[in-house]
Each structure stands twice: as C-alpha cells, then as structure tokens.
Amino acid sequence: MKDHESHRSAGKEIGIISRCAHRYFQQKLAHYSIGHSQIGTLHYIIRNNGCSQSELVNHLQVDKSSVTSQIERLEANGYITRTSNRADSRSKQLYITGKTESFRNELTTIFSGWSNTLLSGFTDEEQEQVYEFLERIKSNALHEIGNLKETHG
C-alpha cells in the first residue's frame, strides 16, 4: 500500500459527498423552503405515498424525534399531511399534498440529477458496481451500529 493510501478514509470521503449533496439540494430547493434534513424525508414520502411514520424511520435510519421534527416542518409548509391509521390510531400515514404534487416532476428531476452527477462518466457496469459497493458499505455501517446498541444500550 502506498503511503498516501494508508491515510485515506472512507468515512471522510463519504462525509464530503454528503456535505456536497446538502449544498446541492439547498441550492436547488431554496425557493421551496425545504431544508436539507427534510429532503430525504420528502423524497421517500413522494415515492411511498401513504407510508407510515415508522417505515420512514426505518428507511432513513434516524431517530423518531428527528423524523417527527422533519414531518412537522413539511406539514407546516403544506408539503405533506398526516392521517391516523384506521387499524392503529397511534400510527400515522404520510401523504403528499397537492402543493407537492404540483412540482413532483421537478423534485424527481432534481433528485435524479444528483445521482446522474455522481455517476457521470461511469459505464453501466461501473454504476452497478458502485451501487453494490454502497450497499455493502451501508450493511457494514448498520451492522456496527447494531453492535454498538447491543454493547452500549
């Protein structure tokens, strides 16, 4: 291994990409008053209209209070609505509003634009490999978080 490679950090590189994504979405969505923390939430609800709040927590891998805060902000700005689940009144279903529907195509273009930017210059085969590697990285991260929860409560 070359000396400069021994100082490389996957976490650092992922962090930089994450911060770039935040800036990209903040710029693209600034006129909608959608913060970077709400973007992933809204994107998931658009793709899974009627999902439960617990599904969203599981998908985003963040704590319930963070998701609740994001949902409250999106709801206050008129982008989503929450309704009680008929089978379980404690469970909330999340739906996009007409306001969100009116610019859904633009949002989808913005979301896919970021992926296109990240994967620019990669062949289809390389893109598939990137997704496979990212899935493995995510699996490793989730496994470690699970271990931490077991050992540290």
N, C-alpha and C. Protein backbone atom coordinates (compact mmCIF):
# COMPACT_ATOMS: atom_id res chain seq x y z
N MET A 1 0.85 -1.18 0.00
CA MET A 1 0.00 0.00 0.00
C MET A 1 0.89 1.24 0.00
N LYS A 2 0.54 2.18 -0.87
CA LYS A 2 1.29 3.43 -0.93
C LYS A 2 1.04 4.24 0.33
N ASP A 3 2.02 5.08 0.70
CA ASP A 3 1.91 5.86 1.93
C ASP A 3 0.65 6.72 1.96
N HIS A 4 0.32 7.40 0.85
CA HIS A 4 -0.86 8.27 0.85
C HIS A 4 -2.14 7.46 1.00
N GLU A 5 -2.13 6.20 0.55
CA GLU A 5 -3.31 5.36 0.68
C GLU A 5 -3.55 4.96 2.14
N SER A 6 -2.50 4.87 2.94
CA SER A 6 -2.67 4.49 4.34
C SER A 6 -3.37 5.57 5.13
N HIS A 7 -3.42 6.79 4.59
CA HIS A 7 -4.08 7.91 5.26
C HIS A 7 -5.47 8.18 4.71
N ARG A 8 -5.91 7.36 3.78
CA ARG A 8 -7.23 7.55 3.18
C ARG A 8 -8.30 7.13 4.16
N SER A 9 -9.44 7.78 4.07
CA SER A 9 -10.54 7.49 4.97
C SER A 9 -11.85 7.43 4.18
N ALA A 10 -12.48 6.26 4.18
CA ALA A 10 -13.78 6.12 3.50
C ALA A 10 -14.80 7.04 4.14
N GLY A 11 -14.77 7.14 5.46
CA GLY A 11 -15.71 8.00 6.17
C GLY A 11 -15.57 9.46 5.77
N LYS A 12 -14.34 9.91 5.62
CA LYS A 12 -14.09 11.29 5.20
C LYS A 12 -14.66 11.54 3.81
N GLU A 13 -14.40 10.63 2.89
CA GLU A 13 -14.88 10.78 1.51
C GLU A 13 -16.41 10.77 1.47
N ILE A 14 -17.03 9.88 2.22
CA ILE A 14 -18.49 9.82 2.27
C ILE A 14 -19.04 11.10 2.89
N GLY A 15 -18.38 11.60 3.93
CA GLY A 15 -18.80 12.85 4.57
C GLY A 15 -18.75 14.03 3.61
N ILE A 16 -17.69 14.10 2.80
CA ILE A 16 -17.57 15.18 1.82
C ILE A 16 -18.70 15.09 0.80
N ILE A 17 -18.97 13.89 0.31
CA ILE A 17 -20.05 13.69 -0.65
C ILE A 17 -21.38 14.09 -0.02
N SER A 18 -21.59 13.73 1.22
CA SER A 18 -22.82 14.07 1.92
C SER A 18 -22.99 15.58 2.05
N ARG A 19 -21.92 16.27 2.41
CA ARG A 19 -22.00 17.73 2.53
C ARG A 19 -22.24 18.39 1.17
N CYS A 20 -21.65 17.84 0.12
CA CYS A 20 -21.90 18.36 -1.23
C CYS A 20 -23.38 18.15 -1.60
N ALA A 21 -23.92 17.00 -1.24
CA ALA A 21 -25.34 16.74 -1.51
C ALA A 21 -26.21 17.75 -0.78
N HIS A 22 -25.90 18.05 0.47
CA HIS A 22 -26.66 19.04 1.23
C HIS A 22 -26.64 20.39 0.51
N ARG A 23 -25.46 20.80 0.06
CA ARG A 23 -25.36 22.09 -0.63
C ARG A 23 -26.12 22.09 -1.95
N TYR A 24 -26.01 21.00 -2.69
CA TYR A 24 -26.72 20.86 -3.97
C TYR A 24 -28.23 21.02 -3.76
N PHE A 25 -28.76 20.25 -2.82
CA PHE A 25 -30.20 20.30 -2.59
C PHE A 25 -30.65 21.62 -1.98
N GLN A 26 -29.84 22.21 -1.13
CA GLN A 26 -30.19 23.52 -0.58
C GLN A 26 -30.31 24.56 -1.69
N GLN A 27 -29.38 24.53 -2.63
CA GLN A 27 -29.42 25.47 -3.75
C GLN A 27 -30.63 25.20 -4.65
N LYS A 28 -30.83 23.95 -4.99
CA LYS A 28 -31.90 23.58 -5.92
C LYS A 28 -33.29 23.79 -5.34
N LEU A 29 -33.41 23.65 -4.01
CA LEU A 29 -34.73 23.70 -3.38
C LEU A 29 -34.93 24.91 -2.48
N ALA A 30 -34.02 25.87 -2.55
CA ALA A 30 -34.08 27.04 -1.67
C ALA A 30 -35.40 27.79 -1.79
N HIS A 31 -35.92 27.95 -2.98
CA HIS A 31 -37.15 28.72 -3.16
C HIS A 31 -38.40 27.97 -2.69
N TYR A 32 -38.24 26.72 -2.28
CA TYR A 32 -39.36 25.95 -1.73
C TYR A 32 -39.34 25.90 -0.20
N SER A 33 -38.31 26.45 0.42
CA SER A 33 -38.14 26.41 1.88
C SER A 33 -38.13 24.98 2.41
N ILE A 34 -37.39 24.15 1.71
CA ILE A 34 -37.21 22.76 2.15
C ILE A 34 -35.75 22.63 2.57
N GLY A 35 -35.53 22.35 3.85
CA GLY A 35 -34.18 22.19 4.36
C GLY A 35 -33.58 20.86 3.98
N HIS A 36 -32.24 20.77 4.08
CA HIS A 36 -31.58 19.53 3.66
C HIS A 36 -32.02 18.33 4.49
N SER A 37 -32.39 18.53 5.74
CA SER A 37 -32.82 17.39 6.55
C SER A 37 -34.20 16.88 6.14
N GLN A 38 -34.98 17.72 5.49
CA GLN A 38 -36.33 17.30 5.07
C GLN A 38 -36.34 16.69 3.67
N ILE A 39 -35.28 16.85 2.93
CA ILE A 39 -35.25 16.40 1.54
C ILE A 39 -35.42 14.89 1.43
N GLY A 40 -34.63 14.13 2.20
CA GLY A 40 -34.74 12.68 2.16
C GLY A 40 -36.11 12.20 2.61
N THR A 41 -36.65 12.89 3.61
CA THR A 41 -37.98 12.56 4.12
C THR A 41 -39.02 12.77 3.04
N LEU A 42 -39.01 13.92 2.41
CA LEU A 42 -39.99 14.22 1.37
C LEU A 42 -39.81 13.29 0.17
N HIS A 43 -38.58 13.03 -0.20
CA HIS A 43 -38.32 12.13 -1.32
C HIS A 43 -38.93 10.75 -1.07
N TYR A 44 -38.73 10.23 0.14
CA TYR A 44 -39.28 8.90 0.46
C TYR A 44 -40.81 8.93 0.43
N ILE A 45 -41.41 9.96 0.97
CA ILE A 45 -42.88 10.04 1.01
C ILE A 45 -43.43 10.16 -0.41
N ILE A 46 -42.77 10.93 -1.27
CA ILE A 46 -43.20 11.04 -2.66
C ILE A 46 -43.21 9.66 -3.32
N ARG A 47 -42.17 8.90 -3.08
CA ARG A 47 -42.04 7.57 -3.71
C ARG A 47 -42.88 6.51 -3.01
N ASN A 48 -43.32 6.78 -1.78
CA ASN A 48 -44.08 5.80 -0.99
C ASN A 48 -45.27 6.50 -0.34
N ASN A 49 -46.06 7.18 -1.15
CA ASN A 49 -47.19 7.94 -0.65
C ASN A 49 -48.11 7.05 0.19
N GLY A 50 -48.40 7.48 1.41
CA GLY A 50 -49.21 6.69 2.32
C GLY A 50 -48.40 5.82 3.27
N CYS A 51 -47.07 5.98 3.23
CA CYS A 51 -46.23 5.18 4.12
C CYS A 51 -46.48 5.59 5.57
N SER A 52 -46.06 4.73 6.47
CA SER A 52 -46.21 5.05 7.90
C SER A 52 -44.97 5.78 8.38
N GLN A 53 -45.13 6.46 9.48
CA GLN A 53 -44.01 7.18 10.08
C GLN A 53 -42.92 6.19 10.50
N SER A 54 -43.31 5.02 10.98
CA SER A 54 -42.31 4.04 11.40
C SER A 54 -41.53 3.48 10.20
N GLU A 55 -42.18 3.32 9.04
CA GLU A 55 -41.47 2.90 7.83
C GLU A 55 -40.40 3.93 7.48
N LEU A 56 -40.76 5.19 7.60
CA LEU A 56 -39.85 6.28 7.29
C LEU A 56 -38.64 6.27 8.23
N VAL A 57 -38.89 6.07 9.50
CA VAL A 57 -37.80 5.99 10.49
C VAL A 57 -36.85 4.86 10.11
N ASN A 58 -37.41 3.72 9.76
CA ASN A 58 -36.60 2.56 9.40
C ASN A 58 -35.80 2.82 8.12
N HIS A 59 -36.43 3.44 7.15
CA HIS A 59 -35.74 3.72 5.89
C HIS A 59 -34.60 4.71 6.07
N LEU A 60 -34.86 5.80 6.78
CA LEU A 60 -33.86 6.85 6.94
C LEU A 60 -32.78 6.52 7.96
N GLN A 61 -33.06 5.55 8.84
CA GLN A 61 -32.11 5.16 9.89
C GLN A 61 -31.74 6.35 10.78
N VAL A 62 -32.76 7.11 11.16
CA VAL A 62 -32.58 8.19 12.13
C VAL A 62 -33.60 8.00 13.24
N ASP A 63 -33.41 8.71 14.34
CA ASP A 63 -34.30 8.51 15.48
C ASP A 63 -35.68 9.10 15.20
N LYS A 64 -36.66 8.60 15.95
CA LYS A 64 -38.06 9.01 15.76
C LYS A 64 -38.26 10.50 15.93
N SER A 65 -37.57 11.09 16.90
CA SER A 65 -37.76 12.53 17.14
C SER A 65 -37.28 13.36 15.95
N SER A 66 -36.21 12.94 15.29
CA SER A 66 -35.73 13.66 14.10
C SER A 66 -36.75 13.59 12.98
N VAL A 67 -37.30 12.39 12.77
CA VAL A 67 -38.31 12.23 11.72
C VAL A 67 -39.55 13.03 12.05
N THR A 68 -39.97 13.00 13.31
CA THR A 68 -41.14 13.78 13.73
C THR A 68 -40.93 15.26 13.44
N SER A 69 -39.75 15.77 13.76
CA SER A 69 -39.43 17.18 13.52
C SER A 69 -39.48 17.50 12.02
N GLN A 70 -38.93 16.63 11.20
CA GLN A 70 -38.93 16.84 9.75
C GLN A 70 -40.36 16.82 9.21
N ILE A 71 -41.15 15.88 9.69
CA ILE A 71 -42.54 15.75 9.25
C ILE A 71 -43.34 16.98 9.65
N GLU A 72 -43.15 17.44 10.88
CA GLU A 72 -43.87 18.62 11.35
C GLU A 72 -43.56 19.84 10.48
N ARG A 73 -42.30 19.99 10.11
CA ARG A 73 -41.91 21.13 9.27
C ARG A 73 -42.51 21.01 7.88
N LEU A 74 -42.45 19.81 7.30
CA LEU A 74 -43.03 19.60 5.97
C LEU A 74 -44.54 19.80 5.99
N GLU A 75 -45.16 19.37 7.07
CA GLU A 75 -46.61 19.54 7.22
C GLU A 75 -46.96 21.03 7.39
N ALA A 76 -46.20 21.73 8.20
CA ALA A 76 -46.44 23.16 8.42
C ALA A 76 -46.29 23.97 7.14
N ASN A 77 -45.39 23.52 6.26
CA ASN A 77 -45.19 24.20 4.98
C ASN A 77 -46.12 23.70 3.88
N GLY A 78 -47.03 22.78 4.23
CA GLY A 78 -48.05 22.34 3.29
C GLY A 78 -47.62 21.29 2.28
N TYR A 79 -46.49 20.59 2.55
CA TYR A 79 -46.00 19.60 1.60
C TYR A 79 -46.55 18.20 1.83
N ILE A 80 -46.92 17.90 3.07
CA ILE A 80 -47.46 16.57 3.40
C ILE A 80 -48.60 16.72 4.40
N THR A 81 -49.36 15.65 4.52
CA THR A 81 -50.37 15.56 5.57
C THR A 81 -50.17 14.24 6.30
N ARG A 82 -50.60 14.24 7.56
CA ARG A 82 -50.56 13.02 8.38
C ARG A 82 -51.99 12.64 8.72
N THR A 83 -52.29 11.38 8.58
CA THR A 83 -53.60 10.90 8.99
C THR A 83 -53.41 9.67 9.87
N SER A 84 -54.35 9.47 10.77
CA SER A 84 -54.28 8.30 11.64
C SER A 84 -54.63 7.06 10.85
N ASN A 85 -53.92 6.00 11.17
CA ASN A 85 -54.18 4.70 10.56
C ASN A 85 -55.46 4.14 11.17
N ARG A 86 -56.37 3.68 10.34
CA ARG A 86 -57.64 3.15 10.84
C ARG A 86 -57.44 1.93 11.75
N ALA A 87 -56.47 1.11 11.41
CA ALA A 87 -56.23 -0.11 12.19
C ALA A 87 -55.51 0.19 13.51
N ASP A 88 -54.72 1.25 13.54
CA ASP A 88 -53.94 1.60 14.73
C ASP A 88 -53.87 3.12 14.81
N SER A 89 -54.68 3.72 15.65
CA SER A 89 -54.77 5.18 15.70
C SER A 89 -53.47 5.84 16.16
N ARG A 90 -52.56 5.08 16.77
CA ARG A 90 -51.27 5.64 17.17
C ARG A 90 -50.33 5.78 15.98
N SER A 91 -50.59 5.00 14.93
CA SER A 91 -49.76 5.02 13.74
C SER A 91 -50.26 6.09 12.77
N LYS A 92 -49.32 6.85 12.20
CA LYS A 92 -49.66 7.91 11.26
C LYS A 92 -49.22 7.54 9.85
N GLN A 93 -50.10 7.80 8.89
CA GLN A 93 -49.79 7.60 7.49
C GLN A 93 -49.45 8.96 6.90
N LEU A 94 -48.49 8.99 6.00
CA LEU A 94 -47.98 10.23 5.43
C LEU A 94 -48.31 10.31 3.94
N TYR A 95 -48.87 11.44 3.54
CA TYR A 95 -49.29 11.64 2.16
C TYR A 95 -48.78 12.99 1.67
N ILE A 96 -48.42 13.04 0.38
CA ILE A 96 -48.06 14.33 -0.20
C ILE A 96 -49.35 15.10 -0.47
N THR A 97 -49.22 16.41 -0.53
CA THR A 97 -50.36 17.28 -0.79
C THR A 97 -50.37 17.69 -2.26
N GLY A 98 -51.41 18.40 -2.65
CA GLY A 98 -51.48 18.95 -3.99
C GLY A 98 -50.32 19.89 -4.28
N LYS A 99 -49.90 20.61 -3.25
CA LYS A 99 -48.75 21.52 -3.38
C LYS A 99 -47.51 20.75 -3.83
N THR A 100 -47.26 19.62 -3.19
CA THR A 100 -46.10 18.79 -3.55
C THR A 100 -46.32 18.16 -4.92
N GLU A 101 -47.53 17.69 -5.16
CA GLU A 101 -47.85 17.06 -6.45
C GLU A 101 -47.60 18.03 -7.60
N SER A 102 -47.84 19.33 -7.37
CA SER A 102 -47.69 20.33 -8.43
C SER A 102 -46.25 20.48 -8.91
N PHE A 103 -45.28 20.14 -8.07
CA PHE A 103 -43.89 20.23 -8.52
C PHE A 103 -43.15 18.91 -8.32
N ARG A 104 -43.91 17.83 -8.27
CA ARG A 104 -43.34 16.49 -8.11
C ARG A 104 -42.34 16.16 -9.22
N ASN A 105 -42.67 16.46 -10.46
CA ASN A 105 -41.75 16.15 -11.57
C ASN A 105 -40.45 16.92 -11.43
N GLU A 106 -40.54 18.16 -11.01
CA GLU A 106 -39.32 18.96 -10.80
C GLU A 106 -38.48 18.35 -9.68
N LEU A 107 -39.12 17.94 -8.59
CA LEU A 107 -38.40 17.31 -7.48
C LEU A 107 -37.71 16.03 -7.95
N THR A 108 -38.44 15.23 -8.70
CA THR A 108 -37.87 13.97 -9.20
C THR A 108 -36.66 14.25 -10.08
N THR A 109 -36.75 15.28 -10.92
CA THR A 109 -35.63 15.66 -11.78
C THR A 109 -34.43 16.10 -10.94
N ILE A 110 -34.69 16.87 -9.89
CA ILE A 110 -33.61 17.33 -9.01
C ILE A 110 -32.95 16.14 -8.31
N PHE A 111 -33.77 15.22 -7.78
CA PHE A 111 -33.23 14.05 -7.09
C PHE A 111 -32.40 13.19 -8.04
N SER A 112 -32.94 12.89 -9.22
CA SER A 112 -32.21 12.05 -10.16
C SER A 112 -30.99 12.79 -10.72
N GLY A 113 -31.08 14.11 -10.79
CA GLY A 113 -29.94 14.90 -11.27
C GLY A 113 -28.71 14.72 -10.42
N TRP A 114 -28.92 14.61 -9.10
CA TRP A 114 -27.77 14.42 -8.21
C TRP A 114 -27.13 13.06 -8.46
N SER A 115 -27.94 12.03 -8.60
CA SER A 115 -27.38 10.70 -8.92
C SER A 115 -26.65 10.72 -10.25
N ASN A 116 -27.24 11.39 -11.23
CA ASN A 116 -26.58 11.49 -12.54
C ASN A 116 -25.25 12.20 -12.43
N THR A 117 -25.19 13.25 -11.62
CA THR A 117 -23.94 13.97 -11.41
C THR A 117 -22.90 13.06 -10.78
N LEU A 118 -23.29 12.35 -9.73
CA LEU A 118 -22.35 11.48 -9.03
C LEU A 118 -21.81 10.36 -9.93
N LEU A 119 -22.65 9.86 -10.81
CA LEU A 119 -22.27 8.71 -11.62
C LEU A 119 -21.82 9.09 -13.03
N SER A 120 -21.66 10.37 -13.27
CA SER A 120 -21.23 10.84 -14.58
C SER A 120 -19.88 10.23 -14.95
N GLY A 121 -19.78 9.73 -16.16
CA GLY A 121 -18.53 9.15 -16.63
C GLY A 121 -18.33 7.69 -16.29
N PHE A 122 -19.27 7.10 -15.54
CA PHE A 122 -19.20 5.68 -15.21
C PHE A 122 -19.99 4.88 -16.25
N THR A 123 -19.47 3.74 -16.62
CA THR A 123 -20.23 2.85 -17.51
C THR A 123 -21.39 2.25 -16.72
N ASP A 124 -22.33 1.64 -17.41
CA ASP A 124 -23.45 0.98 -16.74
C ASP A 124 -22.94 -0.07 -15.76
N GLU A 125 -21.94 -0.82 -16.18
CA GLU A 125 -21.37 -1.86 -15.32
C GLU A 125 -20.72 -1.24 -14.08
N GLU A 126 -19.99 -0.16 -14.26
CA GLU A 126 -19.36 0.52 -13.12
C GLU A 126 -20.41 1.09 -12.18
N GLN A 127 -21.48 1.64 -12.74
CA GLN A 127 -22.56 2.17 -11.91
C GLN A 127 -23.16 1.06 -11.06
N GLU A 128 -23.36 -0.09 -11.64
CA GLU A 128 -23.90 -1.22 -10.89
C GLU A 128 -22.94 -1.62 -9.76
N GLN A 129 -21.65 -1.60 -10.06
CA GLN A 129 -20.65 -1.91 -9.04
C GLN A 129 -20.68 -0.88 -7.91
N VAL A 130 -20.82 0.39 -8.26
CA VAL A 130 -20.89 1.44 -7.24
C VAL A 130 -22.04 1.14 -6.29
N TYR A 131 -23.22 0.83 -6.85
CA TYR A 131 -24.38 0.53 -6.00
C TYR A 131 -24.15 -0.71 -5.14
N GLU A 132 -23.50 -1.72 -5.70
CA GLU A 132 -23.19 -2.92 -4.92
C GLU A 132 -22.23 -2.57 -3.78
N PHE A 133 -21.21 -1.78 -4.05
CA PHE A 133 -20.27 -1.37 -3.01
C PHE A 133 -20.96 -0.53 -1.94
N LEU A 134 -21.81 0.40 -2.37
CA LEU A 134 -22.52 1.24 -1.40
C LEU A 134 -23.44 0.41 -0.52
N GLU A 135 -24.10 -0.59 -1.10
CA GLU A 135 -24.94 -1.49 -0.29
C GLU A 135 -24.10 -2.22 0.75
N ARG A 136 -22.93 -2.67 0.36
CA ARG A 136 -22.05 -3.35 1.31
C ARG A 136 -21.57 -2.41 2.39
N ILE A 137 -21.22 -1.18 2.01
CA ILE A 137 -20.78 -0.19 2.99
C ILE A 137 -21.91 0.10 3.96
N LYS A 138 -23.11 0.29 3.44
CA LYS A 138 -24.28 0.56 4.29
C LYS A 138 -24.54 -0.62 5.23
N SER A 139 -24.44 -1.82 4.71
CA SER A 139 -24.65 -3.01 5.54
C SER A 139 -23.62 -3.07 6.67
N ASN A 140 -22.37 -2.79 6.35
CA ASN A 140 -21.32 -2.77 7.38
C ASN A 140 -21.62 -1.72 8.44
N ALA A 141 -22.05 -0.55 7.99
CA ALA A 141 -22.34 0.54 8.93
C ALA A 141 -23.51 0.16 9.83
N LEU A 142 -24.58 -0.37 9.26
CA LEU A 142 -25.75 -0.76 10.06
C LEU A 142 -25.41 -1.88 11.02
N HIS A 143 -24.57 -2.80 10.59
CA HIS A 143 -24.15 -3.90 11.47
C HIS A 143 -23.39 -3.34 12.68
N GLU A 144 -22.49 -2.42 12.43
CA GLU A 144 -21.71 -1.83 13.51
C GLU A 144 -22.60 -1.03 14.47
N ILE A 145 -23.55 -0.29 13.93
CA ILE A 145 -24.48 0.46 14.78
C ILE A 145 -25.29 -0.51 15.64
N GLY A 146 -25.69 -1.63 15.05
CA GLY A 146 -26.40 -2.66 15.82
C GLY A 146 -25.55 -3.20 16.95
N ASN A 147 -24.28 -3.43 16.67
CA ASN A 147 -23.34 -3.90 17.70
C ASN A 147 -23.20 -2.87 18.82
N LEU A 148 -23.12 -1.60 18.45
CA LEU A 148 -22.98 -0.55 19.46
C LEU A 148 -24.22 -0.49 20.36
N LYS A 149 -25.39 -0.65 19.77
CA LYS A 149 -26.62 -0.63 20.55
C LYS A 149 -26.64 -1.79 21.55
N GLU A 150 -26.15 -2.95 21.11
CA GLU A 150 -26.12 -4.13 21.99
C GLU A 150 -25.16 -3.95 23.16
N THR A 151 -23.99 -3.37 22.86
CA THR A 151 -22.96 -3.27 23.91
C THR A 151 -23.09 -2.01 24.77
N HIS A 152 -23.71 -0.96 24.21
CA HIS A 152 -23.79 0.30 24.96
C HIS A 152 -25.22 0.72 25.26
N GLY A 153 -26.16 -0.13 24.93
CA GLY A 153 -27.56 0.16 25.24
C GLY A 153 -28.08 1.15 24.36
